[in-house]
């Protein structure tokens, strides 16, 4: 799994060489529509600049893919790390309201990212 992340300064292109990948990106507000596809060897997929996207190996074997980015400095923001693992932590009350979660759930998620705070 390459978890949901974004490249704020680059478009990404992915070419699958081996295996099967489920990939996708989410369009921007207000649609927030998932554009996703199963990719097989030889398939190509483009992730537009700045949009949240992911890749997930759904096959029974290893997957091999090559990615190219349209910038030498694309940046990367891994969404879960940025939300639940910043240093200092985001006040749990903010995340409770933003994600409509119980405060204990937010604190548990934040604790999963202890490494990001150390």
PDB file of N, CA and C in Angstrom:
ATOM      1  N   UNK A   1       0.840  -1.190   0.000  1.00  0.00           N
ATOM      2  CA  UNK A   1       0.000   0.000   0.000  1.00  0.00           C
ATOM      3  C   UNK A   1       0.880   1.245   0.000  1.00  0.00           C
ATOM      4  N   UNK A   2       0.561   2.148  -0.900  1.00  0.00           N
ATOM      5  CA  UNK A   2       1.088   3.505  -0.824  1.00  0.00           C
ATOM      6  C   UNK A   2      -0.117   4.329  -0.381  1.00  0.00           C
ATOM      7  N   UNK A   3      -0.179   4.697   0.921  1.00  0.00           N
ATOM      8  CA  UNK A   3      -1.403   5.261   1.487  1.00  0.00           C
ATOM      9  C   UNK A   3      -1.778   6.602   0.858  1.00  0.00           C
ATOM     10  N   UNK A   4      -3.013   7.050   1.096  1.00  0.00           N
ATOM     11  CA  UNK A   4      -3.451   8.327   0.538  1.00  0.00           C
ATOM     12  C   UNK A   4      -2.449   9.445   0.841  1.00  0.00           C
ATOM     13  N   UNK A   5      -2.058  10.122  -0.235  1.00  0.00           N
ATOM     14  CA  UNK A   5      -1.087  11.207  -0.135  1.00  0.00           C
ATOM     15  C   UNK A   5      -1.305  12.159  -1.303  1.00  0.00           C
ATOM     16  N   UNK A   6      -0.581  13.236  -1.287  1.00  0.00           N
ATOM     17  CA  UNK A   6      -0.663  14.211  -2.368  1.00  0.00           C
ATOM     18  C   UNK A   6       0.716  14.773  -2.670  1.00  0.00           C
ATOM     19  N   UNK A   7       0.899  15.209  -3.892  1.00  0.00           N
ATOM     20  CA  UNK A   7       2.110  15.928  -4.307  1.00  0.00           C
ATOM     21  C   UNK A   7       1.653  17.339  -4.678  1.00  0.00           C
ATOM     22  N   UNK A   8       1.912  18.312  -3.803  1.00  0.00           N
ATOM     23  CA  UNK A   8       1.378  19.654  -4.050  1.00  0.00           C
ATOM     24  C   UNK A   8       1.978  20.369  -5.253  1.00  0.00           C
ATOM     25  N   UNK A   9       3.128  19.896  -5.743  1.00  0.00           N
ATOM     26  CA  UNK A   9       3.782  20.595  -6.845  1.00  0.00           C
ATOM     27  C   UNK A   9       4.017  19.720  -8.073  1.00  0.00           C
ATOM     28  N   UNK A  10       3.282  18.608  -8.227  1.00  0.00           N
ATOM     29  CA  UNK A  10       3.556  17.743  -9.376  1.00  0.00           C
ATOM     30  C   UNK A  10       2.393  16.823  -9.721  1.00  0.00           C
ATOM     31  N   UNK A  11       2.291  16.533 -10.994  1.00  0.00           N
ATOM     32  CA  UNK A  11       1.435  15.463 -11.503  1.00  0.00           C
ATOM     33  C   UNK A  11       2.280  14.198 -11.488  1.00  0.00           C
ATOM     34  N   UNK A  12       1.643  13.048 -11.237  1.00  0.00           N
ATOM     35  CA  UNK A  12       2.354  11.770 -11.203  1.00  0.00           C
ATOM     36  C   UNK A  12       1.791  10.859 -12.284  1.00  0.00           C
ATOM     37  N   UNK A  13       2.677  10.129 -12.937  1.00  0.00           N
ATOM     38  CA  UNK A  13       2.263   9.110 -13.895  1.00  0.00           C
ATOM     39  C   UNK A  13       2.818   7.774 -13.412  1.00  0.00           C
ATOM     40  N   UNK A  14       2.015   6.731 -13.497  1.00  0.00           N
ATOM     41  CA  UNK A  14       2.392   5.419 -12.987  1.00  0.00           C
ATOM     42  C   UNK A  14       2.231   4.396 -14.107  1.00  0.00           C
ATOM     43  N   UNK A  15       3.261   3.566 -14.297  1.00  0.00           N
ATOM     44  CA  UNK A  15       3.226   2.486 -15.284  1.00  0.00           C
ATOM     45  C   UNK A  15       3.418   1.173 -14.542  1.00  0.00           C
ATOM     46  N   UNK A  16       2.502   0.238 -14.712  1.00  0.00           N
ATOM     47  CA  UNK A  16       2.595  -1.065 -14.048  1.00  0.00           C
ATOM     48  C   UNK A  16       3.382  -2.017 -14.940  1.00  0.00           C
ATOM     49  N   UNK A  17       4.380  -2.670 -14.343  1.00  0.00           N
ATOM     50  CA  UNK A  17       5.224  -3.632 -15.059  1.00  0.00           C
ATOM     51  C   UNK A  17       4.821  -5.062 -14.695  1.00  0.00           C
ATOM     52  N   UNK A  18       4.575  -5.303 -13.410  1.00  0.00           N
ATOM     53  CA  UNK A  18       4.164  -6.629 -12.934  1.00  0.00           C
ATOM     54  C   UNK A  18       3.082  -6.470 -11.878  1.00  0.00           C
ATOM     55  N   UNK A  19       2.191  -7.452 -11.799  1.00  0.00           N
ATOM     56  CA  UNK A  19       1.188  -7.478 -10.748  1.00  0.00           C
ATOM     57  C   UNK A  19      -0.075  -6.715 -11.094  1.00  0.00           C
ATOM     58  N   UNK A  20      -0.914  -6.570 -10.070  1.00  0.00           N
ATOM     59  CA  UNK A  20      -2.191  -5.880 -10.219  1.00  0.00           C
ATOM     60  C   UNK A  20      -2.317  -4.839  -9.120  1.00  0.00           C
ATOM     61  N   UNK A  21      -2.544  -3.611  -9.506  1.00  0.00           N
ATOM     62  CA  UNK A  21      -2.697  -2.520  -8.551  1.00  0.00           C
ATOM     63  C   UNK A  21      -4.082  -1.906  -8.669  1.00  0.00           C
ATOM     64  N   UNK A  22      -4.678  -1.604  -7.519  1.00  0.00           N
ATOM     65  CA  UNK A  22      -5.884  -0.794  -7.467  1.00  0.00           C
ATOM     66  C   UNK A  22      -5.406   0.610  -7.128  1.00  0.00           C
ATOM     67  N   UNK A  23      -5.689   1.554  -8.001  1.00  0.00           N
ATOM     68  CA  UNK A  23      -5.208   2.925  -7.821  1.00  0.00           C
ATOM     69  C   UNK A  23      -6.373   3.888  -7.941  1.00  0.00           C
ATOM     70  N   UNK A  24      -6.178   5.066  -7.385  1.00  0.00           N
ATOM     71  CA  UNK A  24      -7.223   6.062  -7.543  1.00  0.00           C
ATOM     72  C   UNK A  24      -6.838   7.403  -6.971  1.00  0.00           C
ATOM     73  N   UNK A  25      -7.652   8.393  -7.314  1.00  0.00           N
ATOM     74  CA  UNK A  25      -7.504   9.725  -6.742  1.00  0.00           C
ATOM     75  C   UNK A  25      -8.898  10.284  -6.479  1.00  0.00           C
ATOM     76  N   UNK A  26      -8.946  11.311  -5.625  1.00  0.00           N
ATOM     77  CA  UNK A  26     -10.201  11.958  -5.269  1.00  0.00           C
ATOM     78  C   UNK A  26     -10.185  13.362  -5.854  1.00  0.00           C
ATOM     79  N   UNK A  27     -11.262  13.692  -6.595  1.00  0.00           N
ATOM     80  CA  UNK A  27     -11.344  15.033  -7.173  1.00  0.00           C
ATOM     81  C   UNK A  27     -11.489  16.059  -6.053  1.00  0.00           C
ATOM     82  N   UNK A  28     -11.316  17.314  -6.393  1.00  0.00           N
ATOM     83  CA  UNK A  28     -11.349  18.364  -5.380  1.00  0.00           C
ATOM     84  C   UNK A  28     -12.785  18.694  -4.951  1.00  0.00           C
ATOM     85  N   UNK A  29     -12.884  19.460  -3.847  1.00  0.00           N
ATOM     86  CA  UNK A  29     -14.188  19.887  -3.327  1.00  0.00           C
ATOM     87  C   UNK A  29     -14.958  20.602  -4.435  1.00  0.00           C
ATOM     88  N   UNK A  30     -16.192  20.523  -4.561  1.00  0.00           N
ATOM     89  CA  UNK A  30     -17.159  19.926  -3.684  1.00  0.00           C
ATOM     90  C   UNK A  30     -17.560  18.517  -4.131  1.00  0.00           C
ATOM     91  N   UNK A  31     -17.094  18.083  -5.265  1.00  0.00           N
ATOM     92  CA  UNK A  31     -17.438  16.748  -5.756  1.00  0.00           C
ATOM     93  C   UNK A  31     -16.861  15.640  -4.888  1.00  0.00           C
ATOM     94  N   UNK A  32     -15.555  15.720  -4.602  1.00  0.00           N
ATOM     95  CA  UNK A  32     -14.852  14.664  -3.859  1.00  0.00           C
ATOM     96  C   UNK A  32     -15.182  13.292  -4.445  1.00  0.00           C
ATOM     97  N   UNK A  33     -15.093  13.190  -5.764  1.00  0.00           N
ATOM     98  CA  UNK A  33     -15.430  11.941  -6.452  1.00  0.00           C
ATOM     99  C   UNK A  33     -14.190  11.072  -6.587  1.00  0.00           C
ATOM    100  N   UNK A  34     -14.347   9.778  -6.298  1.00  0.00           N
ATOM    101  CA  UNK A  34     -13.247   8.827  -6.443  1.00  0.00           C
ATOM    102  C   UNK A  34     -13.157   8.384  -7.898  1.00  0.00           C
ATOM    103  N   UNK A  35     -11.966   8.531  -8.477  1.00  0.00           N
ATOM    104  CA  UNK A  35     -11.667   8.013  -9.801  1.00  0.00           C
ATOM    105  C   UNK A  35     -10.667   6.886  -9.563  1.00  0.00           C
ATOM    106  N   UNK A  36     -11.074   5.640  -9.796  1.00  0.00           N
ATOM    107  CA  UNK A  36     -10.228   4.492  -9.456  1.00  0.00           C
ATOM    108  C   UNK A  36     -10.288   3.447 -10.563  1.00  0.00           C
ATOM    109  N   UNK A  37      -9.236   2.611 -10.590  1.00  0.00           N
ATOM    110  CA  UNK A  37      -9.146   1.595 -11.631  1.00  0.00           C
ATOM    111  C   UNK A  37      -8.203   0.484 -11.193  1.00  0.00           C
ATOM    112  N   UNK A  38      -8.471  -0.724 -11.667  1.00  0.00           N
ATOM    113  CA  UNK A  38      -7.518  -1.821 -11.522  1.00  0.00           C
ATOM    114  C   UNK A  38      -6.528  -1.733 -12.661  1.00  0.00           C
ATOM    115  N   UNK A  39      -5.247  -1.780 -12.329  1.00  0.00           N
ATOM    116  CA  UNK A  39      -4.203  -1.705 -13.353  1.00  0.00           C
ATOM    117  C   UNK A  39      -3.461  -3.022 -13.454  1.00  0.00           C
ATOM    118  N   UNK A  40      -3.164  -3.407 -14.682  1.00  0.00           N
ATOM    119  CA  UNK A  40      -2.435  -4.638 -14.989  1.00  0.00           C
ATOM    120  C   UNK A  40      -1.162  -4.262 -15.743  1.00  0.00           C
ATOM    121  N   UNK A  41      -0.229  -5.203 -15.913  1.00  0.00           N
ATOM    122  CA  UNK A  41       1.013  -4.883 -16.627  1.00  0.00           C
ATOM    123  C   UNK A  41       0.743  -4.185 -17.963  1.00  0.00           C
ATOM    124  N   UNK A  42       1.456  -3.082 -18.140  1.00  0.00           N
ATOM    125  CA  UNK A  42       1.307  -2.281 -19.350  1.00  0.00           C
ATOM    126  C   UNK A  42       0.347  -1.122 -19.202  1.00  0.00           C
ATOM    127  N   UNK A  43      -0.478  -1.127 -18.150  1.00  0.00           N
ATOM    128  CA  UNK A  43      -1.419  -0.025 -17.937  1.00  0.00           C
ATOM    129  C   UNK A  43      -0.704   1.192 -17.362  1.00  0.00           C
ATOM    130  N   UNK A  44      -1.253   2.350 -17.668  1.00  0.00           N
ATOM    131  CA  UNK A  44      -0.707   3.634 -17.227  1.00  0.00           C
ATOM    132  C   UNK A  44      -1.838   4.423 -16.577  1.00  0.00           C
ATOM    133  N   UNK A  45      -1.510   5.183 -15.528  1.00  0.00           N
ATOM    134  CA  UNK A  45      -2.506   5.994 -14.832  1.00  0.00           C
ATOM    135  C   UNK A  45      -1.861   7.323 -14.466  1.00  0.00           C
ATOM    136  N   UNK A  46      -2.617   8.405 -14.553  1.00  0.00           N
ATOM    137  CA  UNK A  46      -2.120   9.741 -14.213  1.00  0.00           C
ATOM    138  C   UNK A  46      -2.878  10.266 -12.993  1.00  0.00           C
ATOM    139  N   UNK A  47      -2.114  10.764 -12.022  1.00  0.00           N
ATOM    140  CA  UNK A  47      -2.669  11.387 -10.823  1.00  0.00           C
ATOM    141  C   UNK A  47      -2.444  12.897 -10.953  1.00  0.00           C
ATOM    142  N   UNK A  48      -3.517  13.684 -11.083  1.00  0.00           N
ATOM    143  CA  UNK A  48      -3.348  15.132 -11.276  1.00  0.00           C
ATOM    144  C   UNK A  48      -2.679  15.822 -10.091  1.00  0.00           C
ATOM    145  N   UNK A  49      -1.998  16.888 -10.398  1.00  0.00           N
ATOM    146  CA  UNK A  49      -1.272  17.669  -9.397  1.00  0.00           C
ATOM    147  C   UNK A  49      -2.165  18.020  -8.204  1.00  0.00           C
ATOM    148  N   UNK A  50      -1.639  17.790  -7.004  1.00  0.00           N
ATOM    149  CA  UNK A  50      -2.287  18.217  -5.778  1.00  0.00           C
ATOM    150  C   UNK A  50      -3.442  17.372  -5.278  1.00  0.00           C
ATOM    151  N   UNK A  51      -3.890  16.371  -6.051  1.00  0.00           N
ATOM    152  CA  UNK A  51      -5.037  15.584  -5.604  1.00  0.00           C
ATOM    153  C   UNK A  51      -4.592  14.389  -4.759  1.00  0.00           C
ATOM    154  N   UNK A  52      -5.409  14.042  -3.773  1.00  0.00           N
ATOM    155  CA  UNK A  52      -5.123  12.898  -2.915  1.00  0.00           C
ATOM    156  C   UNK A  52      -5.258  11.630  -3.744  1.00  0.00           C
ATOM    157  N   UNK A  53      -4.242  10.751  -3.640  1.00  0.00           N
ATOM    158  CA  UNK A  53      -4.262   9.515  -4.418  1.00  0.00           C
ATOM    159  C   UNK A  53      -3.579   8.388  -3.656  1.00  0.00           C
ATOM    160  N   UNK A  54      -3.713   7.156  -4.183  1.00  0.00           N
ATOM    161  CA  UNK A  54      -3.174   5.968  -3.518  1.00  0.00           C
ATOM    162  C   UNK A  54      -2.889   4.890  -4.553  1.00  0.00           C
ATOM    163  N   UNK A  55      -2.105   3.879  -4.128  1.00  0.00           N
ATOM    164  CA  UNK A  55      -1.869   2.663  -4.902  1.00  0.00           C
ATOM    165  C   UNK A  55      -1.904   1.499  -3.918  1.00  0.00           C
ATOM    166  N   UNK A  56      -2.551   0.390  -4.339  1.00  0.00           N
ATOM    167  CA  UNK A  56      -2.707  -0.759  -3.452  1.00  0.00           C
ATOM    168  C   UNK A  56      -2.552  -2.044  -4.260  1.00  0.00           C
ATOM    169  N   UNK A  57      -1.632  -2.899  -3.826  1.00  0.00           N
ATOM    170  CA  UNK A  57      -1.407  -4.182  -4.494  1.00  0.00           C
ATOM    171  C   UNK A  57      -2.536  -5.133  -4.111  1.00  0.00           C
ATOM    172  N   UNK A  58      -3.381  -5.481  -5.076  1.00  0.00           N
ATOM    173  CA  UNK A  58      -4.500  -6.380  -4.812  1.00  0.00           C
ATOM    174  C   UNK A  58      -4.242  -7.778  -5.369  1.00  0.00           C
ATOM    175  N   UNK A  59      -3.072  -7.978  -5.965  1.00  0.00           N
ATOM    176  CA  UNK A  59      -2.744  -9.281  -6.525  1.00  0.00           C
ATOM    177  C   UNK A  59      -2.173 -10.225  -5.485  1.00  0.00           C
ATOM    178  N   UNK A  60      -1.925 -11.439  -5.915  1.00  0.00           N
ATOM    179  CA  UNK A  60      -1.349 -12.459  -5.025  1.00  0.00           C
ATOM    180  C   UNK A  60       0.175 -12.514  -5.149  1.00  0.00           C
ATOM    181  N   UNK A  61       0.745 -11.665  -5.984  1.00  0.00           N
ATOM    182  CA  UNK A  61       2.196 -11.607  -6.176  1.00  0.00           C
ATOM    183  C   UNK A  61       2.680 -10.177  -5.935  1.00  0.00           C
ATOM    184  N   UNK A  62       3.984 -10.002  -5.932  1.00  0.00           N
ATOM    185  CA  UNK A  62       4.543  -8.663  -5.821  1.00  0.00           C
ATOM    186  C   UNK A  62       4.152  -7.849  -7.050  1.00  0.00           C
ATOM    187  N   UNK A  63       4.041  -6.563  -6.841  1.00  0.00           N
ATOM    188  CA  UNK A  63       3.756  -5.655  -7.944  1.00  0.00           C
ATOM    189  C   UNK A  63       4.986  -4.792  -8.187  1.00  0.00           C
ATOM    190  N   UNK A  64       5.210  -4.470  -9.456  1.00  0.00           N
ATOM    191  CA  UNK A  64       6.298  -3.570  -9.833  1.00  0.00           C
ATOM    192  C   UNK A  64       5.692  -2.469 -10.697  1.00  0.00           C
ATOM    193  N   UNK A  65       5.972  -1.238 -10.323  1.00  0.00           N
ATOM    194  CA  UNK A  65       5.487  -0.102 -11.094  1.00  0.00           C
ATOM    195  C   UNK A  65       6.537   0.996 -11.062  1.00  0.00           C
ATOM    196  N   UNK A  66       6.553   1.786 -12.104  1.00  0.00           N
ATOM    197  CA  UNK A  66       7.435   2.948 -12.172  1.00  0.00           C
ATOM    198  C   UNK A  66       6.577   4.201 -12.143  1.00  0.00           C
ATOM    199  N   UNK A  67       7.001   5.151 -11.306  1.00  0.00           N
ATOM    200  CA  UNK A  67       6.287   6.420 -11.207  1.00  0.00           C
ATOM    201  C   UNK A  67       7.209   7.539 -11.650  1.00  0.00           C
ATOM    202  N   UNK A  68       6.638   8.496 -12.330  1.00  0.00           N
ATOM    203  CA  UNK A  68       7.360   9.703 -12.716  1.00  0.00           C
ATOM    204  C   UNK A  68       6.572  10.913 -12.270  1.00  0.00           C
ATOM    205  N   UNK A  69       7.284  11.951 -11.862  1.00  0.00           N
ATOM    206  CA  UNK A  69       6.640  13.171 -11.392  1.00  0.00           C
ATOM    207  C   UNK A  69       7.077  14.346 -12.261  1.00  0.00           C
ATOM    208  N   UNK A  70       6.195  15.311 -12.427  1.00  0.00           N
ATOM    209  CA  UNK A  70       6.447  16.426 -13.342  1.00  0.00           C
ATOM    210  C   UNK A  70       7.297  17.532 -12.731  1.00  0.00           C
ATOM    211  N   UNK A  71       7.914  17.280 -11.596  1.00  0.00           N
ATOM    212  CA  UNK A  71       8.739  18.281 -10.925  1.00  0.00           C
ATOM    213  C   UNK A  71       9.904  17.595 -10.227  1.00  0.00           C
ATOM    214  N   UNK A  72      11.026  18.286 -10.151  1.00  0.00           N
ATOM    215  CA  UNK A  72      12.154  17.767  -9.381  1.00  0.00           C
ATOM    216  C   UNK A  72      11.917  17.955  -7.884  1.00  0.00           C
ATOM    217  N   UNK A  73      10.935  18.760  -7.541  1.00  0.00           N
ATOM    218  CA  UNK A  73      10.596  19.017  -6.135  1.00  0.00           C
ATOM    219  C   UNK A  73       9.081  18.904  -5.959  1.00  0.00           C
ATOM    220  N   UNK A  74       8.540  17.663  -6.087  1.00  0.00           N
ATOM    221  CA  UNK A  74       7.080  17.504  -6.068  1.00  0.00           C
ATOM    222  C   UNK A  74       6.442  17.682  -4.705  1.00  0.00           C
ATOM    223  N   UNK A  75       7.204  17.439  -3.640  1.00  0.00           N
ATOM    224  CA  UNK A  75       6.648  17.423  -2.297  1.00  0.00           C
ATOM    225  C   UNK A  75       5.778  16.200  -2.115  1.00  0.00           C
ATOM    226  N   UNK A  76       5.567  15.823  -0.874  1.00  0.00           N
ATOM    227  CA  UNK A  76       4.636  14.736  -0.562  1.00  0.00           C
ATOM    228  C   UNK A  76       4.037  14.997   0.809  1.00  0.00           C
ATOM    229  N   UNK A  77       2.713  14.848   0.885  1.00  0.00           N
ATOM    230  CA  UNK A  77       1.998  14.965   2.153  1.00  0.00           C
ATOM    231  C   UNK A  77       1.191  13.689   2.304  1.00  0.00           C
ATOM    232  N   UNK A  78       1.575  12.842   3.266  1.00  0.00           N
ATOM    233  CA  UNK A  78       0.809  11.636   3.560  1.00  0.00           C
ATOM    234  C   UNK A  78      -0.306  12.053   4.508  1.00  0.00           C
ATOM    235  N   UNK A  79      -1.532  11.859   4.079  1.00  0.00           N
ATOM    236  CA  UNK A  79      -2.686  12.451   4.752  1.00  0.00           C
ATOM    237  C   UNK A  79      -2.797  12.036   6.225  1.00  0.00           C
ATOM    238  N   UNK A  80      -2.768  10.740   6.514  1.00  0.00           N
ATOM    239  CA  UNK A  80      -2.917  10.296   7.908  1.00  0.00           C
ATOM    240  C   UNK A  80      -1.797  10.850   8.783  1.00  0.00           C
ATOM    241  N   UNK A  81      -0.575  10.851   8.275  1.00  0.00           N
ATOM    242  CA  UNK A  81       0.553  11.384   9.051  1.00  0.00           C
ATOM    243  C   UNK A  81       0.347  12.863   9.353  1.00  0.00           C
ATOM    244  N   UNK A  82      -0.106  13.604   8.337  1.00  0.00           N
ATOM    245  CA  UNK A  82      -0.274  15.045   8.498  1.00  0.00           C
ATOM    246  C   UNK A  82      -1.392  15.388   9.481  1.00  0.00           C
ATOM    247  N   UNK A  83      -2.453  14.586   9.492  1.00  0.00           N
ATOM    248  CA  UNK A  83      -3.602  14.884  10.340  1.00  0.00           C
ATOM    249  C   UNK A  83      -3.432  14.330  11.758  1.00  0.00           C
ATOM    250  N   UNK A  84      -2.950  13.089  11.857  1.00  0.00           N
ATOM    251  CA  UNK A  84      -2.898  12.443  13.170  1.00  0.00           C
ATOM    252  C   UNK A  84      -1.502  12.402  13.783  1.00  0.00           C
ATOM    253  N   UNK A  85      -0.474  12.827  13.043  1.00  0.00           N
ATOM    254  CA  UNK A  85       0.872  12.710  13.575  1.00  0.00           C
ATOM    255  C   UNK A  85       1.731  13.953  13.598  1.00  0.00           C
ATOM    256  N   UNK A  86       1.160  15.169  13.492  1.00  0.00           N
ATOM    257  CA  UNK A  86       2.058  16.329  13.512  1.00  0.00           C
ATOM    258  C   UNK A  86       2.621  16.583  14.906  1.00  0.00           C
ATOM    259  N   UNK A  87       3.684  17.347  14.952  1.00  0.00           N
ATOM    260  CA  UNK A  87       4.326  17.710  16.209  1.00  0.00           C
ATOM    261  C   UNK A  87       4.379  19.228  16.309  1.00  0.00           C
ATOM    262  N   UNK A  88       3.658  19.863  17.232  1.00  0.00           N
ATOM    263  CA  UNK A  88       2.782  19.243  18.223  1.00  0.00           C
ATOM    264  C   UNK A  88       1.494  18.733  17.575  1.00  0.00           C
ATOM    265  N   UNK A  89       0.762  17.910  18.296  1.00  0.00           N
ATOM    266  CA  UNK A  89      -0.485  17.324  17.811  1.00  0.00           C
ATOM    267  C   UNK A  89      -1.563  18.384  17.607  1.00  0.00           C
ATOM    268  N   UNK A  90      -2.433  18.121  16.638  1.00  0.00           N
ATOM    269  CA  UNK A  90      -3.634  18.946  16.477  1.00  0.00           C
ATOM    270  C   UNK A  90      -4.552  18.652  17.658  1.00  0.00           C
ATOM    271  N   UNK A  91      -5.144  19.683  18.210  1.00  0.00           N
ATOM    272  CA  UNK A  91      -6.058  19.522  19.335  1.00  0.00           C
ATOM    273  C   UNK A  91      -7.137  18.500  18.957  1.00  0.00           C
ATOM    274  N   UNK A  92      -7.310  17.445  19.772  1.00  0.00           N
ATOM    275  CA  UNK A  92      -8.303  16.413  19.455  1.00  0.00           C
ATOM    276  C   UNK A  92      -9.717  16.953  19.247  1.00  0.00           C
ATOM    277  N   UNK A  93     -10.078  18.047  19.920  1.00  0.00           N
ATOM    278  CA  UNK A  93     -11.416  18.618  19.756  1.00  0.00           C
ATOM    279  C   UNK A  93     -11.655  19.063  18.308  1.00  0.00           C
ATOM    280  N   UNK A  94     -10.618  19.545  17.671  1.00  0.00           N
ATOM    281  CA  UNK A  94     -10.732  19.959  16.262  1.00  0.00           C
ATOM    282  C   UNK A  94     -10.984  18.742  15.385  1.00  0.00           C
ATOM    283  N   UNK A  95     -10.221  17.668  15.622  1.00  0.00           N
ATOM    284  CA  UNK A  95     -10.369  16.461  14.809  1.00  0.00           C
ATOM    285  C   UNK A  95     -11.698  15.761  15.086  1.00  0.00           C
ATOM    286  N   UNK A  96     -12.188  15.833  16.319  1.00  0.00           N
ATOM    287  CA  UNK A  96     -13.502  15.269  16.661  1.00  0.00           C
ATOM    288  C   UNK A  96     -14.576  15.912  15.788  1.00  0.00           C
ATOM    289  N   UNK A  97     -14.544  17.234  15.712  1.00  0.00           N
ATOM    290  CA  UNK A  97     -15.549  17.940  14.905  1.00  0.00           C
ATOM    291  C   UNK A  97     -15.322  17.732  13.409  1.00  0.00           C
ATOM    292  N   UNK A  98     -14.087  17.793  12.972  1.00  0.00           N
ATOM    293  CA  UNK A  98     -13.787  17.683  11.539  1.00  0.00           C
ATOM    294  C   UNK A  98     -14.151  16.319  10.969  1.00  0.00           C
ATOM    295  N   UNK A  99     -13.895  15.264  11.741  1.00  0.00           N
ATOM    296  CA  UNK A  99     -14.123  13.902  11.246  1.00  0.00           C
ATOM    297  C   UNK A  99     -15.348  13.231  11.872  1.00  0.00           C
ATOM    298  N   UNK A 100     -16.055  13.974  12.765  1.00  0.00           N
ATOM    299  CA  UNK A 100     -17.245  13.446  13.428  1.00  0.00           C
ATOM    300  C   UNK A 100     -16.954  12.109  14.108  1.00  0.00           C
ATOM    301  N   UNK A 101     -15.858  12.105  14.873  1.00  0.00           N
ATOM    302  CA  UNK A 101     -15.425  10.911  15.589  1.00  0.00           C
ATOM    303  C   UNK A 101     -15.510  11.136  17.091  1.00  0.00           C
ATOM    304  N   UNK A 102     -15.568  10.063  17.824  1.00  0.00           N
ATOM    305  CA  UNK A 102     -15.490  10.109  19.276  1.00  0.00           C
ATOM    306  C   UNK A 102     -14.076  10.542  19.665  1.00  0.00           C
ATOM    307  N   UNK A 103     -13.960  11.297  20.740  1.00  0.00           N
ATOM    308  CA  UNK A 103     -12.656  11.798  21.170  1.00  0.00           C
ATOM    309  C   UNK A 103     -11.673  10.662  21.461  1.00  0.00           C
ATOM    310  N   UNK A 104     -12.174   9.543  22.026  1.00  0.00           N
ATOM    311  CA  UNK A 104     -11.297   8.400  22.296  1.00  0.00           C
ATOM    312  C   UNK A 104     -10.743   7.802  21.003  1.00  0.00           C
ATOM    313  N   UNK A 105     -11.540   7.804  19.944  1.00  0.00           N
ATOM    314  CA  UNK A 105     -11.076   7.308  18.642  1.00  0.00           C
ATOM    315  C   UNK A 105      -9.966   8.210  18.110  1.00  0.00           C
ATOM    316  N   UNK A 106     -10.167   9.512  18.223  1.00  0.00           N
ATOM    317  CA  UNK A 106      -9.142  10.466  17.769  1.00  0.00           C
ATOM    318  C   UNK A 106      -7.850  10.260  18.546  1.00  0.00           C
ATOM    319  N   UNK A 107      -7.935  10.148  19.849  1.00  0.00           N
ATOM    320  CA  UNK A 107      -6.732   9.955  20.665  1.00  0.00           C
ATOM    321  C   UNK A 107      -6.036   8.641  20.315  1.00  0.00           C
ATOM    322  N   UNK A 108      -6.819   7.596  20.049  1.00  0.00           N
ATOM    323  CA  UNK A 108      -6.220   6.321  19.656  1.00  0.00           C
ATOM    324  C   UNK A 108      -5.506   6.454  18.309  1.00  0.00           C
ATOM    325  N   UNK A 109      -6.139   7.134  17.355  1.00  0.00           N
ATOM    326  CA  UNK A 109      -5.488   7.346  16.055  1.00  0.00           C
ATOM    327  C   UNK A 109      -4.202   8.161  16.231  1.00  0.00           C
ATOM    328  N   UNK A 110      -4.255   9.195  17.039  1.00  0.00           N
ATOM    329  CA  UNK A 110      -3.053   9.998  17.275  1.00  0.00           C
ATOM    330  C   UNK A 110      -1.951   9.158  17.906  1.00  0.00           C
ATOM    331  N   UNK A 111      -2.319   8.235  18.782  1.00  0.00           N
ATOM    332  CA  UNK A 111      -1.302   7.402  19.433  1.00  0.00           C
ATOM    333  C   UNK A 111      -0.628   6.451  18.447  1.00  0.00           C
ATOM    334  N   UNK A 112      -1.297   6.122  17.352  1.00  0.00           N
ATOM    335  CA  UNK A 112      -0.721   5.233  16.326  1.00  0.00           C
ATOM    336  C   UNK A 112       0.425   5.914  15.598  1.00  0.00           C
ATOM    337  N   UNK A 113       0.489   7.235  15.694  1.00  0.00           N
ATOM    338  CA  UNK A 113       1.514   7.999  14.990  1.00  0.00           C
ATOM    339  C   UNK A 113       2.527   8.593  15.957  1.00  0.00           C
ATOM    340  N   UNK A 114       2.758   7.907  17.076  1.00  0.00           N
ATOM    341  CA  UNK A 114       3.715   8.384  18.080  1.00  0.00           C
ATOM    342  C   UNK A 114       5.078   8.639  17.467  1.00  0.00           C
ATOM    343  N   UNK A 115       5.476   7.827  16.471  1.00  0.00           N
ATOM    344  CA  UNK A 115       6.792   7.962  15.828  1.00  0.00           C
ATOM    345  C   UNK A 115       6.928   9.299  15.126  1.00  0.00           C
ATOM    346  N   UNK A 116       5.815   9.840  14.666  1.00  0.00           N
ATOM    347  CA  UNK A 116       5.890  11.132  13.982  1.00  0.00           C
ATOM    348  C   UNK A 116       6.170  12.264  14.964  1.00  0.00           C
ATOM    349  N   UNK A 117       5.866  12.024  16.224  1.00  0.00           N
ATOM    350  CA  UNK A 117       6.080  13.062  17.243  1.00  0.00           C
ATOM    351  C   UNK A 117       7.404  12.899  17.978  1.00  0.00           C
ATOM    352  N   UNK A 118       8.213  11.893  17.614  1.00  0.00           N
ATOM    353  CA  UNK A 118       9.485  11.661  18.299  1.00  0.00           C
ATOM    354  C   UNK A 118      10.650  11.766  17.342  1.00  0.00           C
TER     355      UNK A 118
END
